[in-house]
């Protein structure tokens, strides 16, 4: 597992975790006390063959404003070596439907994941970072899905050359029910100054920390369709879906029913602004 840190304060604690399935309990690997910007790694002991996911968390003094670039927010298939799969399902699940090599399953998963993200306009594995948004002179601002907010910094001019940090007590996140990701921020006593990417939001972005079970199911079924029909260019048809290296062509029959069932699952997650 690998993580790059920046803006680190004294005595910051970095904790590494892994779990044996997407829905399993997190197990701590190790902790490291860090004092400066650097790249830190943790090595998991010998793992049995299977699928694993990894994450790390950070705890810092209240004065610190750390940033994490997670290179370990992945799903891994372990056999003789660990293969990274930046996607929403696992090799095991795809191979339970098709007798294919792991490399082929990985390519299908990658394409299926891109298709899911394109269809829903959402990401289902969270990541920490800072993103910038343009203001329109209103109290509210639409943002990307985020699970929690670390810092909100509004620009006081058109290009954000002068900024102001807004405390959590001075804004409201919407929705407020805690069951869905944050999509909108409403200021109580300020405005999002009109400008070009003049407001900065540091947060944990994503619809979910890791994919919900039905997203895993939809991605698995889609990856099976991709892997079962071959690379793009080999299949043509009026009704088709394509992304990355793969395409699916379908008309009447089982393929059409399958893609419609997959879309029905994804429609529950399609991004619509509040």
C-alpha atoms as a PDB file:
ATOM      1  CA  UNK A   1       0.000   0.000   0.000  1.00  0.00           C
ATOM      2  CA  UNK A   2       1.265   3.427  -0.919  1.00  0.00           C
ATOM      3  CA  UNK A   3       0.235   6.922   0.151  1.00  0.00           C
ATOM      4  CA  UNK A   4       1.698  10.345  -0.624  1.00  0.00           C
ATOM      5  CA  UNK A   5       1.271  13.044   2.041  1.00  0.00           C
ATOM      6  CA  UNK A   6       1.515  16.835   1.931  1.00  0.00           C
ATOM      7  CA  UNK A   7       0.894  19.666   4.375  1.00  0.00           C
ATOM      8  CA  UNK A   8       1.774  17.387   7.276  1.00  0.00           C
ATOM      9  CA  UNK A   9       1.987  18.695  10.814  1.00  0.00           C
ATOM     10  CA  UNK A  10       4.073  17.269  13.668  1.00  0.00           C
ATOM     11  CA  UNK A  11       3.034  13.871  15.064  1.00  0.00           C
ATOM     12  CA  UNK A  12       0.551  13.013  12.336  1.00  0.00           C
ATOM     13  CA  UNK A  13      -0.581   9.386  12.474  1.00  0.00           C
ATOM     14  CA  UNK A  14      -1.140   7.392   9.306  1.00  0.00           C
ATOM     15  CA  UNK A  15      -3.025   4.095   9.623  1.00  0.00           C
ATOM     16  CA  UNK A  16      -3.143   1.387   6.955  1.00  0.00           C
ATOM     17  CA  UNK A  17      -6.035  -1.094   6.627  1.00  0.00           C
ATOM     18  CA  UNK A  18      -7.103  -3.999   4.420  1.00  0.00           C
ATOM     19  CA  UNK A  19     -10.116  -6.284   4.196  1.00  0.00           C
ATOM     20  CA  UNK A  20     -10.761  -9.593   2.527  1.00  0.00           C
ATOM     21  CA  UNK A  21     -13.913  -8.568   0.657  1.00  0.00           C
ATOM     22  CA  UNK A  22     -15.741  -5.412  -0.354  1.00  0.00           C
ATOM     23  CA  UNK A  23     -18.209  -5.896   2.484  1.00  0.00           C
ATOM     24  CA  UNK A  24     -15.826  -7.311   5.090  1.00  0.00           C
ATOM     25  CA  UNK A  25     -14.486  -5.735   8.265  1.00  0.00           C
ATOM     26  CA  UNK A  26     -11.412  -3.514   8.005  1.00  0.00           C
ATOM     27  CA  UNK A  27      -8.277  -4.907   9.666  1.00  0.00           C
ATOM     28  CA  UNK A  28      -5.411  -2.638  10.664  1.00  0.00           C
ATOM     29  CA  UNK A  29      -2.044  -3.419   9.086  1.00  0.00           C
ATOM     30  CA  UNK A  30       0.161  -0.877  10.858  1.00  0.00           C
ATOM     31  CA  UNK A  31       0.476   2.739  11.972  1.00  0.00           C
ATOM     32  CA  UNK A  32       3.196   5.253  11.212  1.00  0.00           C
ATOM     33  CA  UNK A  33       3.896   8.579  12.872  1.00  0.00           C
ATOM     34  CA  UNK A  34       4.980  11.047  10.192  1.00  0.00           C
ATOM     35  CA  UNK A  35       6.447  14.521  10.525  1.00  0.00           C
ATOM     36  CA  UNK A  36       7.033  15.701   6.956  1.00  0.00           C
ATOM     37  CA  UNK A  37       5.788  15.416   3.389  1.00  0.00           C
ATOM     38  CA  UNK A  38       6.817  12.104   1.876  1.00  0.00           C
ATOM     39  CA  UNK A  39       5.631   8.847   0.374  1.00  0.00           C
ATOM     40  CA  UNK A  40       4.854   6.128   2.906  1.00  0.00           C
ATOM     41  CA  UNK A  41       4.259   2.455   2.346  1.00  0.00           C
ATOM     42  CA  UNK A  42       2.958  -0.486   4.362  1.00  0.00           C
ATOM     43  CA  UNK A  43       3.497  -4.126   3.509  1.00  0.00           C
ATOM     44  CA  UNK A  44       0.766  -6.669   4.166  1.00  0.00           C
ATOM     45  CA  UNK A  45       2.002 -10.088   5.232  1.00  0.00           C
ATOM     46  CA  UNK A  46       1.507 -13.183   3.121  1.00  0.00           C
ATOM     47  CA  UNK A  47      -2.080 -13.190   1.901  1.00  0.00           C
ATOM     48  CA  UNK A  48      -4.001 -16.238   0.817  1.00  0.00           C
ATOM     49  CA  UNK A  49      -5.386 -16.334  -2.705  1.00  0.00           C
ATOM     50  CA  UNK A  50      -8.481 -14.160  -2.893  1.00  0.00           C
ATOM     51  CA  UNK A  51      -9.641 -10.581  -3.345  1.00  0.00           C
ATOM     52  CA  UNK A  52      -8.739  -7.705  -1.030  1.00  0.00           C
ATOM     53  CA  UNK A  53      -9.308  -3.968  -0.761  1.00  0.00           C
ATOM     54  CA  UNK A  54      -7.040  -1.421   0.913  1.00  0.00           C
ATOM     55  CA  UNK A  55      -7.285   2.045   2.455  1.00  0.00           C
ATOM     56  CA  UNK A  56      -5.464   4.340   4.850  1.00  0.00           C
ATOM     57  CA  UNK A  57      -6.618   7.080   7.208  1.00  0.00           C
ATOM     58  CA  UNK A  58      -4.909  10.041   8.798  1.00  0.00           C
ATOM     59  CA  UNK A  59      -5.167  11.643  12.228  1.00  0.00           C
ATOM     60  CA  UNK A  60      -3.410  14.947  12.778  1.00  0.00           C
ATOM     61  CA  UNK A  61      -3.283  17.699  15.413  1.00  0.00           C
ATOM     62  CA  UNK A  62      -6.064  20.266  15.077  1.00  0.00           C
ATOM     63  CA  UNK A  63      -3.631  22.776  13.551  1.00  0.00           C
ATOM     64  CA  UNK A  64      -2.720  20.504  10.655  1.00  0.00           C
ATOM     65  CA  UNK A  65      -4.240  20.699   7.165  1.00  0.00           C
ATOM     66  CA  UNK A  66      -2.893  17.492   5.621  1.00  0.00           C
ATOM     67  CA  UNK A  67      -3.578  16.160   2.156  1.00  0.00           C
ATOM     68  CA  UNK A  68      -3.487  12.501   1.134  1.00  0.00           C
ATOM     69  CA  UNK A  69      -3.013  11.121  -2.349  1.00  0.00           C
ATOM     70  CA  UNK A  70      -4.163   7.529  -2.039  1.00  0.00           C
ATOM     71  CA  UNK A  71      -2.452   5.158  -4.401  1.00  0.00           C
ATOM     72  CA  UNK A  72      -3.869   2.237  -2.422  1.00  0.00           C
ATOM     73  CA  UNK A  73      -7.623   2.751  -2.770  1.00  0.00           C
ATOM     74  CA  UNK A  74      -7.846  -0.338  -4.950  1.00  0.00           C
ATOM     75  CA  UNK A  75      -9.215  -3.803  -5.190  1.00  0.00           C
ATOM     76  CA  UNK A  76      -6.526  -6.457  -5.549  1.00  0.00           C
ATOM     77  CA  UNK A  77      -6.644 -10.035  -6.726  1.00  0.00           C
ATOM     78  CA  UNK A  78      -4.047 -12.170  -5.018  1.00  0.00           C
ATOM     79  CA  UNK A  79      -2.706 -15.333  -6.589  1.00  0.00           C
ATOM     80  CA  UNK A  80       1.053 -15.564  -7.032  1.00  0.00           C
ATOM     81  CA  UNK A  81       1.186 -11.770  -7.177  1.00  0.00           C
ATOM     82  CA  UNK A  82      -1.049  -8.795  -6.468  1.00  0.00           C
ATOM     83  CA  UNK A  83      -2.749  -7.300  -9.516  1.00  0.00           C
ATOM     84  CA  UNK A  84      -4.357  -3.897  -9.125  1.00  0.00           C
ATOM     85  CA  UNK A  85      -7.897  -3.545 -10.443  1.00  0.00           C
ATOM     86  CA  UNK A  86      -9.172   0.010 -10.393  1.00  0.00           C
ATOM     87  CA  UNK A  87     -12.766  -1.026 -10.710  1.00  0.00           C
ATOM     88  CA  UNK A  88     -16.065  -1.899  -9.109  1.00  0.00           C
ATOM     89  CA  UNK A  89     -15.882  -5.679  -9.053  1.00  0.00           C
ATOM     90  CA  UNK A  90     -13.314  -8.448  -8.756  1.00  0.00           C
ATOM     91  CA  UNK A  91     -11.651 -11.031 -10.949  1.00  0.00           C
ATOM     92  CA  UNK A  92     -13.186 -13.832  -8.903  1.00  0.00           C
ATOM     93  CA  UNK A  93     -16.709 -12.620  -9.584  1.00  0.00           C
ATOM     94  CA  UNK A  94     -16.174 -12.331 -13.336  1.00  0.00           C
ATOM     95  CA  UNK A  95     -14.424 -15.691 -13.503  1.00  0.00           C
ATOM     96  CA  UNK A  96     -17.370 -17.302 -11.707  1.00  0.00           C
ATOM     97  CA  UNK A  97     -19.370 -16.631 -14.909  1.00  0.00           C
ATOM     98  CA  UNK A  98     -16.687 -17.058 -17.568  1.00  0.00           C
ATOM     99  CA  UNK A  99     -13.674 -19.305 -17.976  1.00  0.00           C
ATOM    100  CA  UNK A 100     -11.179 -16.550 -18.831  1.00  0.00           C
ATOM    101  CA  UNK A 101      -7.704 -15.514 -17.735  1.00  0.00           C
ATOM    102  CA  UNK A 102      -7.244 -12.881 -15.016  1.00  0.00           C
ATOM    103  CA  UNK A 103      -5.748 -10.362 -17.478  1.00  0.00           C
ATOM    104  CA  UNK A 104      -8.818 -10.574 -19.695  1.00  0.00           C
ATOM    105  CA  UNK A 105     -11.109 -10.168 -16.677  1.00  0.00           C
ATOM    106  CA  UNK A 106      -9.148  -7.098 -15.558  1.00  0.00           C
ATOM    107  CA  UNK A 107      -9.524  -5.447 -18.968  1.00  0.00           C
ATOM    108  CA  UNK A 108     -13.256  -6.151 -18.967  1.00  0.00           C
ATOM    109  CA  UNK A 109     -13.647  -4.817 -15.415  1.00  0.00           C
ATOM    110  CA  UNK A 110     -11.799  -1.605 -16.298  1.00  0.00           C
ATOM    111  CA  UNK A 111     -14.060  -0.996 -19.309  1.00  0.00           C
ATOM    112  CA  UNK A 112     -17.208  -1.907 -17.375  1.00  0.00           C
ATOM    113  CA  UNK A 113     -16.234   0.462 -14.564  1.00  0.00           C
ATOM    114  CA  UNK A 114     -15.744   3.326 -17.022  1.00  0.00           C
ATOM    115  CA  UNK A 115     -19.136   2.536 -18.558  1.00  0.00           C
ATOM    116  CA  UNK A 116     -20.828   2.613 -15.142  1.00  0.00           C
ATOM    117  CA  UNK A 117     -19.201   5.949 -14.270  1.00  0.00           C
ATOM    118  CA  UNK A 118     -20.165   7.434 -17.629  1.00  0.00           C
ATOM    119  CA  UNK A 119     -23.772   6.233 -17.342  1.00  0.00           C
ATOM    120  CA  UNK A 120     -24.311   7.396 -13.753  1.00  0.00           C
ATOM    121  CA  UNK A 121     -21.953  10.400 -13.816  1.00  0.00           C
ATOM    122  CA  UNK A 122     -20.712   9.189 -10.420  1.00  0.00           C
ATOM    123  CA  UNK A 123     -17.676   7.559  -8.831  1.00  0.00           C
ATOM    124  CA  UNK A 124     -18.152   4.757  -6.306  1.00  0.00           C
ATOM    125  CA  UNK A 125     -14.678   4.607  -4.752  1.00  0.00           C
ATOM    126  CA  UNK A 126     -13.855   7.620  -2.606  1.00  0.00           C
ATOM    127  CA  UNK A 127     -10.642   9.659  -2.739  1.00  0.00           C
ATOM    128  CA  UNK A 128      -9.319  12.615  -0.765  1.00  0.00           C
ATOM    129  CA  UNK A 129      -8.325  15.830  -2.498  1.00  0.00           C
ATOM    130  CA  UNK A 130      -9.042  19.467  -3.300  1.00  0.00           C
ATOM    131  CA  UNK A 131     -11.297  20.534  -6.173  1.00  0.00           C
ATOM    132  CA  UNK A 132     -12.094  24.011  -7.473  1.00  0.00           C
ATOM    133  CA  UNK A 133     -15.487  25.435  -8.433  1.00  0.00           C
ATOM    134  CA  UNK A 134     -16.711  28.582 -10.157  1.00  0.00           C
ATOM    135  CA  UNK A 135     -19.035  30.854  -8.199  1.00  0.00           C
ATOM    136  CA  UNK A 136     -22.168  32.527  -9.579  1.00  0.00           C
ATOM    137  CA  UNK A 137     -22.825  35.172  -6.950  1.00  0.00           C
ATOM    138  CA  UNK A 138     -25.224  32.950  -4.993  1.00  0.00           C
ATOM    139  CA  UNK A 139     -25.300  31.548  -1.470  1.00  0.00           C
ATOM    140  CA  UNK A 140     -25.328  27.972  -2.790  1.00  0.00           C
ATOM    141  CA  UNK A 141     -22.830  25.950  -4.825  1.00  0.00           C
ATOM    142  CA  UNK A 142     -23.189  22.540  -6.455  1.00  0.00           C
ATOM    143  CA  UNK A 143     -20.180  20.273  -5.846  1.00  0.00           C
ATOM    144  CA  UNK A 144     -19.114  16.761  -6.777  1.00  0.00           C
ATOM    145  CA  UNK A 145     -20.350  13.925  -4.567  1.00  0.00           C
ATOM    146  CA  UNK A 146     -18.469  13.985  -1.274  1.00  0.00           C
ATOM    147  CA  UNK A 147     -18.765  11.995   1.929  1.00  0.00           C
ATOM    148  CA  UNK A 148     -17.214  14.565   4.261  1.00  0.00           C
ATOM    149  CA  UNK A 149     -15.731  18.055   4.054  1.00  0.00           C
ATOM    150  CA  UNK A 150     -12.323  18.916   5.441  1.00  0.00           C
ATOM    151  CA  UNK A 151     -12.122  22.587   4.479  1.00  0.00           C
ATOM    152  CA  UNK A 152     -14.146  25.109   2.482  1.00  0.00           C
ATOM    153  CA  UNK A 153     -12.231  28.107   1.168  1.00  0.00           C
ATOM    154  CA  UNK A 154     -14.180  30.742  -0.771  1.00  0.00           C
ATOM    155  CA  UNK A 155     -12.602  33.199  -3.168  1.00  0.00           C
ATOM    156  CA  UNK A 156     -13.222  36.860  -2.504  1.00  0.00           C
ATOM    157  CA  UNK A 157     -12.436  37.891  -6.073  1.00  0.00           C
ATOM    158  CA  UNK A 158     -12.961  36.561  -9.589  1.00  0.00           C
ATOM    159  CA  UNK A 159      -9.932  34.254  -9.671  1.00  0.00           C
ATOM    160  CA  UNK A 160      -9.611  33.347  -5.999  1.00  0.00           C
ATOM    161  CA  UNK A 161      -6.405  35.295  -5.482  1.00  0.00           C
ATOM    162  CA  UNK A 162      -7.793  36.369  -2.099  1.00  0.00           C
ATOM    163  CA  UNK A 163      -9.587  33.713  -0.087  1.00  0.00           C
ATOM    164  CA  UNK A 164     -11.372  33.117   3.193  1.00  0.00           C
ATOM    165  CA  UNK A 165     -11.747  29.840   5.106  1.00  0.00           C
ATOM    166  CA  UNK A 166     -15.365  29.198   6.125  1.00  0.00           C
ATOM    167  CA  UNK A 167     -15.958  27.335   9.384  1.00  0.00           C
ATOM    168  CA  UNK A 168     -18.356  24.402   9.427  1.00  0.00           C
ATOM    169  CA  UNK A 169     -20.782  26.411  11.580  1.00  0.00           C
ATOM    170  CA  UNK A 170     -21.198  28.963   8.764  1.00  0.00           C
ATOM    171  CA  UNK A 171     -22.494  26.654   6.039  1.00  0.00           C
ATOM    172  CA  UNK A 172     -25.030  23.869   5.555  1.00  0.00           C
ATOM    173  CA  UNK A 173     -24.511  20.747   3.458  1.00  0.00           C
ATOM    174  CA  UNK A 174     -27.351  19.354   1.338  1.00  0.00           C
ATOM    175  CA  UNK A 175     -28.775  16.765   1.604  1.00  0.00           C
ATOM    176  CA  UNK A 176     -28.642  16.696   5.399  1.00  0.00           C
ATOM    177  CA  UNK A 177     -30.007  13.202   6.015  1.00  0.00           C
ATOM    178  CA  UNK A 178     -26.579  11.526   5.998  1.00  0.00           C
ATOM    179  CA  UNK A 179     -27.829   8.720   3.735  1.00  0.00           C
ATOM    180  CA  UNK A 180     -26.664  10.318   0.509  1.00  0.00           C
ATOM    181  CA  UNK A 181     -23.447  12.107  -0.430  1.00  0.00           C
ATOM    182  CA  UNK A 182     -23.186  15.877  -0.111  1.00  0.00           C
ATOM    183  CA  UNK A 183     -24.029  17.606  -3.417  1.00  0.00           C
ATOM    184  CA  UNK A 184     -24.632  21.215  -2.443  1.00  0.00           C
ATOM    185  CA  UNK A 185     -23.230  23.752   0.026  1.00  0.00           C
ATOM    186  CA  UNK A 186     -25.322  26.650   1.332  1.00  0.00           C
ATOM    187  CA  UNK A 187     -23.556  29.580   3.013  1.00  0.00           C
ATOM    188  CA  UNK A 188     -25.312  31.242   5.943  1.00  0.00           C
ATOM    189  CA  UNK A 189     -23.625  34.646   5.886  1.00  0.00           C
ATOM    190  CA  UNK A 190     -21.603  34.801   2.653  1.00  0.00           C
ATOM    191  CA  UNK A 191     -21.880  34.434  -1.102  1.00  0.00           C
ATOM    192  CA  UNK A 192     -19.921  32.365  -3.566  1.00  0.00           C
ATOM    193  CA  UNK A 193     -18.332  35.242  -5.440  1.00  0.00           C
ATOM    194  CA  UNK A 194     -18.812  35.122  -9.200  1.00  0.00           C
ATOM    195  CA  UNK A 195     -15.615  33.929 -10.851  1.00  0.00           C
ATOM    196  CA  UNK A 196     -13.640  31.141 -12.507  1.00  0.00           C
ATOM    197  CA  UNK A 197     -12.709  28.227 -10.253  1.00  0.00           C
ATOM    198  CA  UNK A 198     -12.297  30.676  -7.396  1.00  0.00           C
ATOM    199  CA  UNK A 199     -13.610  28.448  -4.588  1.00  0.00           C
ATOM    200  CA  UNK A 200     -11.697  25.460  -3.162  1.00  0.00           C
ATOM    201  CA  UNK A 201     -13.218  22.419  -1.458  1.00  0.00           C
ATOM    202  CA  UNK A 202     -11.040  19.875   0.344  1.00  0.00           C
ATOM    203  CA  UNK A 203     -13.079  16.730   0.946  1.00  0.00           C
ATOM    204  CA  UNK A 204     -13.476  12.985   0.648  1.00  0.00           C
ATOM    205  CA  UNK A 205     -15.028  12.800  -2.809  1.00  0.00           C
ATOM    206  CA  UNK A 206     -17.193   9.992  -4.141  1.00  0.00           C
ATOM    207  CA  UNK A 207     -20.684   8.540  -3.834  1.00  0.00           C
ATOM    208  CA  UNK A 208     -19.443   5.865  -1.446  1.00  0.00           C
ATOM    209  CA  UNK A 209     -16.225   4.711   0.171  1.00  0.00           C
ATOM    210  CA  UNK A 210     -16.422   1.491  -1.852  1.00  0.00           C
ATOM    211  CA  UNK A 211     -19.098   0.309  -4.321  1.00  0.00           C
ATOM    212  CA  UNK A 212     -22.532  -0.707  -2.998  1.00  0.00           C
ATOM    213  CA  UNK A 213     -23.394  -4.346  -3.590  1.00  0.00           C
ATOM    214  CA  UNK A 214     -25.793  -3.630  -6.475  1.00  0.00           C
ATOM    215  CA  UNK A 215     -23.132  -1.522  -8.228  1.00  0.00           C
ATOM    216  CA  UNK A 216     -20.763  -4.475  -7.853  1.00  0.00           C
ATOM    217  CA  UNK A 217     -23.429  -6.724  -9.347  1.00  0.00           C
ATOM    218  CA  UNK A 218     -24.115  -4.395 -12.282  1.00  0.00           C
ATOM    219  CA  UNK A 219     -20.409  -3.964 -13.020  1.00  0.00           C
ATOM    220  CA  UNK A 220     -19.829  -7.710 -12.815  1.00  0.00           C
ATOM    221  CA  UNK A 221     -22.634  -8.470 -15.261  1.00  0.00           C
ATOM    222  CA  UNK A 222     -21.449  -5.755 -17.609  1.00  0.00           C
ATOM    223  CA  UNK A 223     -17.841  -6.990 -17.456  1.00  0.00           C
ATOM    224  CA  UNK A 224     -19.086 -10.491 -18.290  1.00  0.00           C
ATOM    225  CA  UNK A 225     -20.889  -9.083 -21.327  1.00  0.00           C
ATOM    226  CA  UNK A 226     -17.769  -7.212 -22.452  1.00  0.00           C
ATOM    227  CA  UNK A 227     -15.497 -10.194 -21.973  1.00  0.00           C
ATOM    228  CA  UNK A 228     -17.964 -12.534 -23.616  1.00  0.00           C
ATOM    229  CA  UNK A 229     -18.352 -10.502 -26.823  1.00  0.00           C
ATOM    230  CA  UNK A 230     -14.759  -9.533 -27.563  1.00  0.00           C
ATOM    231  CA  UNK A 231     -12.885  -6.339 -28.316  1.00  0.00           C
ATOM    232  CA  UNK A 232     -14.437  -3.386 -30.123  1.00  0.00           C
ATOM    233  CA  UNK A 233     -14.310  -3.506 -33.887  1.00  0.00           C
ATOM    234  CA  UNK A 234     -15.203  -7.195 -33.962  1.00  0.00           C
ATOM    235  CA  UNK A 235     -18.905  -6.645 -33.364  1.00  0.00           C
ATOM    236  CA  UNK A 236     -21.195  -4.203 -35.141  1.00  0.00           C
ATOM    237  CA  UNK A 237     -24.851  -3.416 -34.840  1.00  0.00           C
ATOM    238  CA  UNK A 238     -27.434  -0.655 -34.702  1.00  0.00           C
ATOM    239  CA  UNK A 239     -27.931  -0.985 -30.954  1.00  0.00           C
ATOM    240  CA  UNK A 240     -24.581  -1.027 -29.192  1.00  0.00           C
ATOM    241  CA  UNK A 241     -22.734   0.129 -26.091  1.00  0.00           C
ATOM    242  CA  UNK A 242     -18.983   0.759 -26.092  1.00  0.00           C
ATOM    243  CA  UNK A 243     -16.253   2.051 -23.808  1.00  0.00           C
ATOM    244  CA  UNK A 244     -12.524   1.502 -23.718  1.00  0.00           C
ATOM    245  CA  UNK A 245     -11.427  -1.629 -25.558  1.00  0.00           C
ATOM    246  CA  UNK A 246     -14.846  -3.255 -25.667  1.00  0.00           C
ATOM    247  CA  UNK A 247     -18.246  -2.929 -27.292  1.00  0.00           C
ATOM    248  CA  UNK A 248     -21.550  -4.761 -26.980  1.00  0.00           C
ATOM    249  CA  UNK A 249     -24.006  -5.095 -29.821  1.00  0.00           C
ATOM    250  CA  UNK A 250     -27.559  -6.198 -29.068  1.00  0.00           C
ATOM    251  CA  UNK A 251     -31.037  -6.247 -30.516  1.00  0.00           C
ATOM    252  CA  UNK A 252     -33.975  -8.371 -29.469  1.00  0.00           C
ATOM    253  CA  UNK A 253     -33.298 -11.192 -27.046  1.00  0.00           C
ATOM    254  CA  UNK A 254     -31.189 -12.032 -24.017  1.00  0.00           C
ATOM    255  CA  UNK A 255     -28.494  -9.380 -24.516  1.00  0.00           C
ATOM    256  CA  UNK A 256     -31.055  -6.611 -24.730  1.00  0.00           C
ATOM    257  CA  UNK A 257     -32.785  -7.879 -21.592  1.00  0.00           C
ATOM    258  CA  UNK A 258     -29.451  -8.079 -19.756  1.00  0.00           C
ATOM    259  CA  UNK A 259     -28.328  -4.542 -20.649  1.00  0.00           C
ATOM    260  CA  UNK A 260     -31.781  -3.188 -19.718  1.00  0.00           C
ATOM    261  CA  UNK A 261     -31.581  -4.926 -16.329  1.00  0.00           C
ATOM    262  CA  UNK A 262     -28.120  -3.458 -15.743  1.00  0.00           C
ATOM    263  CA  UNK A 263     -29.386   0.007 -16.664  1.00  0.00           C
ATOM    264  CA  UNK A 264     -32.328  -0.423 -14.290  1.00  0.00           C
ATOM    265  CA  UNK A 265     -29.865  -0.951 -11.434  1.00  0.00           C
ATOM    266  CA  UNK A 266     -27.748   2.039 -12.447  1.00  0.00           C
ATOM    267  CA  UNK A 267     -30.786   4.312 -12.883  1.00  0.00           C
ATOM    268  CA  UNK A 268     -31.118   4.278  -9.079  1.00  0.00           C
ATOM    269  CA  UNK A 269     -27.753   6.074  -8.908  1.00  0.00           C
ATOM    270  CA  UNK A 270     -27.906   8.402 -11.905  1.00  0.00           C
ATOM    271  CA  UNK A 271     -26.697  11.850 -10.867  1.00  0.00           C
ATOM    272  CA  UNK A 272     -29.431  14.498 -10.855  1.00  0.00           C
ATOM    273  CA  UNK A 273     -28.650  17.846  -9.236  1.00  0.00           C
ATOM    274  CA  UNK A 274     -30.819  18.772  -6.272  1.00  0.00           C
END
